[in-house]
């Protein structure tokens, strides 16, 4: 009997590990279908663990979604017919929204829900996605879909927009590495992901091709804590996971095909939340490494 108990104790951790492995990368629905408009995008969490997603029920809204049961409500409706393409937070907890219709970066006071223009520029095309560093500098992808071109901007704490790169393809997903020394930017139509070196002032240099795919498009991207890059492959319905060296490690299949963006969340940072534009819904899956902010 003692020998049997000893063997059972030895086997238990392996069984638990096996069950955990079976749960990884398996998608399930968080929300019902058709809860959002076809422009569902840009999920993100505030410091309290609340989930926000743009275009809840219809365009021009920010939805507040329960990350446990998928129920939602309108958190704020944007003024002036603005439509946001993502949700982002700085170190102070202020919400920032790329407004692709108004050529703005909007800001939302989380206490009063007041929406204001953080920065506007007539030189903006269609601000699409943002990432924010620990200094609260905002990096902006800025595509012009009419001719499949794009730009990259940086917005400093004084709200001054700085043009970092132009003459690009349709810049879309944008993300910083965990150490914030590398900036990744993808081009949806051209199906290329570029990486840049980022200096202490937030300037970029050393443009280098990080990865390229022969088919389908790109959308949002996020890094995990190990520096692996999770990329929404719009049209294919998978999240591609690339190593810091640019090697394709795996593709995680989703129920929907038009995956627009993703974010790491949950208490341990190991749940990935994905927005699907064809299903107008959110799917989730578990991963072994938490997001870079956890």
Protein backbone atom coordinates (compact mmCIF):
# COMPACT_ATOMS: atom_id res chain seq x y z
CA UNK A 1 0.00 0.00 0.00
CA UNK A 2 2.80 2.42 0.91
CA UNK A 3 4.51 1.68 -2.41
CA UNK A 4 1.29 2.37 -4.33
CA UNK A 5 0.76 5.70 -2.52
CA UNK A 6 4.36 6.67 -3.26
CA UNK A 7 3.93 5.93 -6.96
CA UNK A 8 0.65 7.83 -7.05
CA UNK A 9 2.32 10.86 -5.46
CA UNK A 10 5.07 10.75 -8.07
CA UNK A 11 2.60 10.53 -10.92
CA UNK A 12 0.29 13.33 -9.71
CA UNK A 13 2.42 16.27 -10.86
CA UNK A 14 2.80 14.74 -14.31
CA UNK A 15 -0.95 14.17 -14.57
CA UNK A 16 -1.62 17.75 -13.52
CA UNK A 17 0.91 18.99 -16.06
CA UNK A 18 -0.72 16.86 -18.75
CA UNK A 19 -4.16 18.26 -17.97
CA UNK A 20 -2.75 21.78 -18.02
CA UNK A 21 -1.10 21.15 -21.38
CA UNK A 22 -4.43 19.91 -22.79
CA UNK A 23 -6.08 23.18 -21.78
CA UNK A 24 -3.52 25.42 -23.50
CA UNK A 25 -4.38 27.09 -26.81
CA UNK A 26 -7.96 25.73 -26.79
CA UNK A 27 -10.37 28.52 -27.73
CA UNK A 28 -13.75 29.14 -26.17
CA UNK A 29 -16.31 31.91 -26.46
CA UNK A 30 -16.38 34.68 -23.89
CA UNK A 31 -19.26 36.65 -25.40
CA UNK A 32 -22.25 35.77 -27.53
CA UNK A 33 -22.04 36.48 -31.24
CA UNK A 34 -23.22 39.85 -32.62
CA UNK A 35 -22.70 41.75 -29.37
CA UNK A 36 -20.49 44.24 -31.21
CA UNK A 37 -20.35 45.95 -34.58
CA UNK A 38 -18.17 44.55 -37.35
CA UNK A 39 -15.50 47.03 -36.19
CA UNK A 40 -14.94 45.22 -32.89
CA UNK A 41 -11.29 45.85 -32.00
CA UNK A 42 -8.68 46.72 -29.44
CA UNK A 43 -9.46 44.85 -26.17
CA UNK A 44 -7.63 46.04 -23.08
CA UNK A 45 -7.74 45.91 -19.28
CA UNK A 46 -7.49 48.70 -16.73
CA UNK A 47 -5.50 48.23 -13.53
CA UNK A 48 -8.59 46.95 -11.71
CA UNK A 49 -9.04 44.12 -14.22
CA UNK A 50 -12.01 45.58 -16.10
CA UNK A 51 -12.11 44.69 -19.81
CA UNK A 52 -12.90 47.35 -22.41
CA UNK A 53 -13.55 46.80 -26.13
CA UNK A 54 -14.47 49.30 -28.83
CA UNK A 55 -17.74 49.38 -30.78
CA UNK A 56 -20.01 47.53 -28.37
CA UNK A 57 -23.50 47.13 -29.89
CA UNK A 58 -22.69 49.78 -32.55
CA UNK A 59 -19.83 51.95 -33.80
CA UNK A 60 -18.68 54.89 -31.70
CA UNK A 61 -18.94 53.24 -28.29
CA UNK A 62 -16.58 51.73 -25.74
CA UNK A 63 -17.97 48.63 -24.09
CA UNK A 64 -17.16 47.47 -20.56
CA UNK A 65 -17.19 43.67 -20.59
CA UNK A 66 -17.22 41.23 -17.70
CA UNK A 67 -14.14 39.05 -18.33
CA UNK A 68 -15.77 36.14 -16.51
CA UNK A 69 -19.21 35.83 -18.09
CA UNK A 70 -18.96 38.04 -21.17
CA UNK A 71 -21.84 40.35 -20.25
CA UNK A 72 -21.36 43.96 -21.26
CA UNK A 73 -22.59 47.53 -21.08
CA UNK A 74 -21.73 50.79 -22.82
CA UNK A 75 -19.04 52.57 -20.83
CA UNK A 76 -18.94 55.70 -22.97
CA UNK A 77 -20.22 56.93 -26.33
CA UNK A 78 -17.76 59.01 -28.32
CA UNK A 79 -18.73 62.53 -29.46
CA UNK A 80 -18.54 64.05 -32.96
CA UNK A 81 -19.17 60.75 -34.76
CA UNK A 82 -15.73 59.48 -33.72
CA UNK A 83 -15.01 55.76 -34.01
CA UNK A 84 -12.18 54.25 -32.02
CA UNK A 85 -9.98 51.41 -33.21
CA UNK A 86 -8.56 50.28 -29.87
CA UNK A 87 -8.30 50.88 -26.13
CA UNK A 88 -5.02 51.71 -24.37
CA UNK A 89 -3.98 52.89 -20.90
CA UNK A 90 -0.98 54.91 -19.74
CA UNK A 91 0.75 54.57 -16.37
CA UNK A 92 -1.75 56.92 -14.73
CA UNK A 93 -4.72 54.85 -15.87
CA UNK A 94 -5.97 57.32 -18.48
CA UNK A 95 -7.68 55.68 -21.45
CA UNK A 96 -6.43 56.54 -24.94
CA UNK A 97 -8.26 55.78 -28.18
CA UNK A 98 -7.03 56.02 -31.79
CA UNK A 99 -9.89 57.78 -33.62
CA UNK A 100 -9.50 56.80 -37.27
CA UNK A 101 -12.42 58.97 -38.43
CA UNK A 102 -11.45 62.19 -36.68
CA UNK A 103 -7.65 62.01 -37.17
CA UNK A 104 -7.30 62.13 -33.40
CA UNK A 105 -5.91 60.38 -30.40
CA UNK A 106 -8.70 60.71 -27.85
CA UNK A 107 -8.41 60.50 -24.05
CA UNK A 108 -11.04 59.44 -21.53
CA UNK A 109 -11.13 60.42 -17.87
CA UNK A 110 -12.05 57.13 -16.20
CA UNK A 111 -13.80 58.84 -13.27
CA UNK A 112 -15.91 61.42 -15.11
CA UNK A 113 -16.06 59.55 -18.46
CA UNK A 114 -15.29 62.86 -20.16
CA UNK A 115 -13.87 62.37 -23.65
CA UNK A 116 -11.36 64.88 -25.01
CA UNK A 117 -8.87 65.22 -27.84
CA UNK A 118 -5.37 64.38 -26.62
CA UNK A 119 -3.75 65.23 -29.94
CA UNK A 120 -5.04 66.07 -33.44
CA UNK A 121 -3.07 66.45 -36.62
CA UNK A 122 -4.18 67.11 -40.17
CA UNK A 123 -1.16 64.99 -41.15
CA UNK A 124 -2.62 61.90 -39.48
CA UNK A 125 -4.09 59.44 -41.98
CA UNK A 126 -6.26 57.05 -39.98
CA UNK A 127 -4.72 56.38 -36.54
CA UNK A 128 -5.14 52.65 -36.14
CA UNK A 129 -3.29 51.16 -33.19
CA UNK A 130 -1.18 52.38 -30.27
CA UNK A 131 1.36 51.10 -27.80
CA UNK A 132 2.52 53.09 -24.79
CA UNK A 133 5.89 52.83 -23.03
CA UNK A 134 6.71 53.32 -19.36
CA UNK A 135 7.47 57.00 -20.03
CA UNK A 136 3.94 57.40 -21.39
CA UNK A 137 5.16 58.05 -24.91
CA UNK A 138 2.58 56.81 -27.40
CA UNK A 139 3.62 55.03 -30.62
CA UNK A 140 0.97 55.18 -33.35
CA UNK A 141 0.43 53.15 -36.51
CA UNK A 142 -1.17 55.36 -39.14
CA UNK A 143 -2.28 53.63 -42.35
CA UNK A 144 -3.84 55.19 -45.41
CA UNK A 145 -5.99 52.38 -46.73
CA UNK A 146 -6.90 54.21 -49.96
CA UNK A 147 -3.41 53.65 -51.37
CA UNK A 148 -2.10 50.96 -48.98
CA UNK A 149 0.54 53.25 -47.48
CA UNK A 150 1.33 54.14 -43.88
CA UNK A 151 3.32 56.01 -41.27
CA UNK A 152 4.54 55.67 -37.68
CA UNK A 153 4.19 58.48 -35.15
CA UNK A 154 5.29 59.07 -31.59
CA UNK A 155 3.30 61.35 -29.31
CA UNK A 156 5.30 62.72 -26.39
CA UNK A 157 4.03 63.72 -22.96
CA UNK A 158 3.69 67.34 -24.14
CA UNK A 159 1.18 66.07 -26.75
CA UNK A 160 3.49 66.84 -29.66
CA UNK A 161 3.26 64.33 -32.53
CA UNK A 162 6.62 63.31 -34.00
CA UNK A 163 6.70 61.58 -37.40
CA UNK A 164 9.07 58.62 -37.04
CA UNK A 165 8.65 56.81 -40.37
CA UNK A 166 6.79 57.32 -43.64
CA UNK A 167 6.58 55.68 -47.08
CA UNK A 168 5.52 52.39 -45.51
CA UNK A 169 2.82 49.90 -46.41
CA UNK A 170 -0.49 49.71 -44.53
CA UNK A 171 0.85 50.05 -40.99
CA UNK A 172 -1.48 48.32 -38.57
CA UNK A 173 -0.43 46.33 -35.48
CA UNK A 174 2.23 47.99 -33.34
CA UNK A 175 3.92 46.69 -30.19
CA UNK A 176 6.96 47.22 -27.96
CA UNK A 177 9.12 44.37 -26.67
CA UNK A 178 9.11 43.81 -22.89
CA UNK A 179 12.37 45.77 -22.48
CA UNK A 180 10.98 48.51 -24.78
CA UNK A 181 14.14 48.45 -26.91
CA UNK A 182 12.38 46.99 -29.96
CA UNK A 183 9.32 48.31 -31.78
CA UNK A 184 7.34 45.92 -34.00
CA UNK A 185 5.07 47.27 -36.73
CA UNK A 186 3.19 45.19 -39.29
CA UNK A 187 1.88 46.04 -42.74
CA UNK A 188 -1.47 44.34 -43.36
CA UNK A 189 -1.64 44.31 -47.14
CA UNK A 190 2.08 43.70 -47.67
CA UNK A 191 2.09 40.96 -44.99
CA UNK A 192 5.37 42.07 -43.47
CA UNK A 193 6.40 42.68 -39.86
CA UNK A 194 9.23 45.15 -39.30
CA UNK A 195 11.29 45.74 -36.20
CA UNK A 196 13.14 48.86 -35.12
CA UNK A 197 15.62 49.67 -32.41
CA UNK A 198 14.23 52.18 -29.89
CA UNK A 199 16.59 54.53 -28.02
CA UNK A 200 16.09 56.17 -24.63
CA UNK A 201 14.40 59.20 -26.22
CA UNK A 202 11.89 57.07 -28.13
CA UNK A 203 13.52 57.48 -31.53
CA UNK A 204 13.61 54.48 -33.87
CA UNK A 205 16.36 53.22 -36.18
CA UNK A 206 17.73 50.09 -37.84
CA UNK A 207 14.59 49.00 -39.70
CA UNK A 208 14.80 45.25 -40.23
CA UNK A 209 12.38 42.68 -41.67
CA UNK A 210 11.27 40.53 -38.75
CA UNK A 211 8.82 38.19 -40.51
CA UNK A 212 6.87 37.86 -43.74
CA UNK A 213 3.92 35.66 -44.75
CA UNK A 214 2.72 34.69 -48.23
CA UNK A 215 -1.00 34.97 -47.57
CA UNK A 216 -3.77 36.58 -45.49
CA UNK A 217 -3.46 39.82 -43.54
CA UNK A 218 -2.23 41.15 -40.21
CA UNK A 219 -3.93 43.13 -37.48
CA UNK A 220 -3.13 43.64 -33.79
CA UNK A 221 -0.05 42.27 -32.00
CA UNK A 222 0.98 41.76 -28.38
CA UNK A 223 4.12 40.43 -26.64
CA UNK A 224 4.27 37.98 -23.80
CA UNK A 225 6.75 38.32 -20.94
CA UNK A 226 9.37 36.22 -22.77
CA UNK A 227 9.24 38.53 -25.79
CA UNK A 228 7.25 36.21 -28.05
CA UNK A 229 5.01 38.16 -30.43
CA UNK A 230 1.35 37.12 -30.82
CA UNK A 231 -0.01 38.32 -34.18
CA UNK A 232 -3.65 38.37 -35.33
CA UNK A 233 -3.71 36.84 -38.85
CA UNK A 234 -6.85 38.51 -40.21
CA UNK A 235 -8.66 36.29 -42.71
CA UNK A 236 -6.89 33.10 -41.69
CA UNK A 237 -8.44 32.96 -38.25
CA UNK A 238 -5.30 32.16 -36.29
CA UNK A 239 -3.01 33.87 -33.81
CA UNK A 240 0.57 33.35 -34.98
CA UNK A 241 3.20 33.15 -32.23
CA UNK A 242 6.66 34.32 -33.26
CA UNK A 243 9.82 34.00 -31.18
CA UNK A 244 12.04 37.07 -30.56
CA UNK A 245 14.15 35.76 -33.45
CA UNK A 246 11.15 35.83 -35.81
CA UNK A 247 10.62 32.07 -35.94
CA UNK A 248 7.01 30.89 -36.24
CA UNK A 249 6.48 28.80 -33.11
CA UNK A 250 2.80 27.93 -33.55
CA UNK A 251 -0.52 29.07 -34.95
CA UNK A 252 -3.54 29.01 -32.64
CA UNK A 253 -6.79 28.38 -34.57
CA UNK A 254 -9.89 30.40 -33.72
CA UNK A 255 -13.55 29.83 -34.51
CA UNK A 256 -13.79 33.12 -36.39
CA UNK A 257 -11.59 34.14 -39.31
CA UNK A 258 -11.41 37.92 -38.99
CA UNK A 259 -9.34 38.25 -35.81
CA UNK A 260 -8.66 41.96 -35.29
CA UNK A 261 -6.74 42.24 -32.03
CA UNK A 262 -5.85 40.58 -28.75
CA UNK A 263 -4.76 41.24 -25.18
CA UNK A 264 -3.37 39.20 -22.28
CA UNK A 265 -5.45 39.25 -19.12
CA UNK A 266 -6.91 37.32 -16.19
CA UNK A 267 -5.45 37.13 -12.68
CA UNK A 268 -2.25 35.45 -13.89
CA UNK A 269 -1.99 37.18 -17.28
CA UNK A 270 -2.16 33.85 -19.11
CA UNK A 271 -5.56 34.23 -20.76
CA UNK A 272 -5.61 35.77 -24.24
CA UNK A 273 -8.75 37.65 -25.31
CA UNK A 274 -9.28 37.96 -29.08
CA UNK A 275 -11.78 40.15 -30.95
CA UNK A 276 -13.43 38.59 -34.04
CA UNK A 277 -14.99 40.91 -36.61
CA UNK A 278 -16.91 38.24 -38.54
CA UNK A 279 -18.45 36.79 -35.40
CA UNK A 280 -18.70 40.21 -33.67
CA UNK A 281 -17.63 38.42 -30.52
CA UNK A 282 -14.69 37.61 -28.23
CA UNK A 283 -12.88 34.28 -27.94
CA UNK A 284 -10.29 33.33 -25.32
CA UNK A 285 -7.54 30.76 -24.85
CA UNK A 286 -4.91 29.95 -22.25
CA UNK A 287 -1.14 30.23 -22.73
CA UNK A 288 1.85 29.12 -20.59
CA UNK A 289 3.59 32.54 -20.42
CA UNK A 290 1.83 35.70 -19.19
CA UNK A 291 1.66 38.96 -21.11
CA UNK A 292 4.53 41.38 -20.79
CA UNK A 293 2.71 43.62 -18.29
CA UNK A 294 2.25 40.83 -15.72
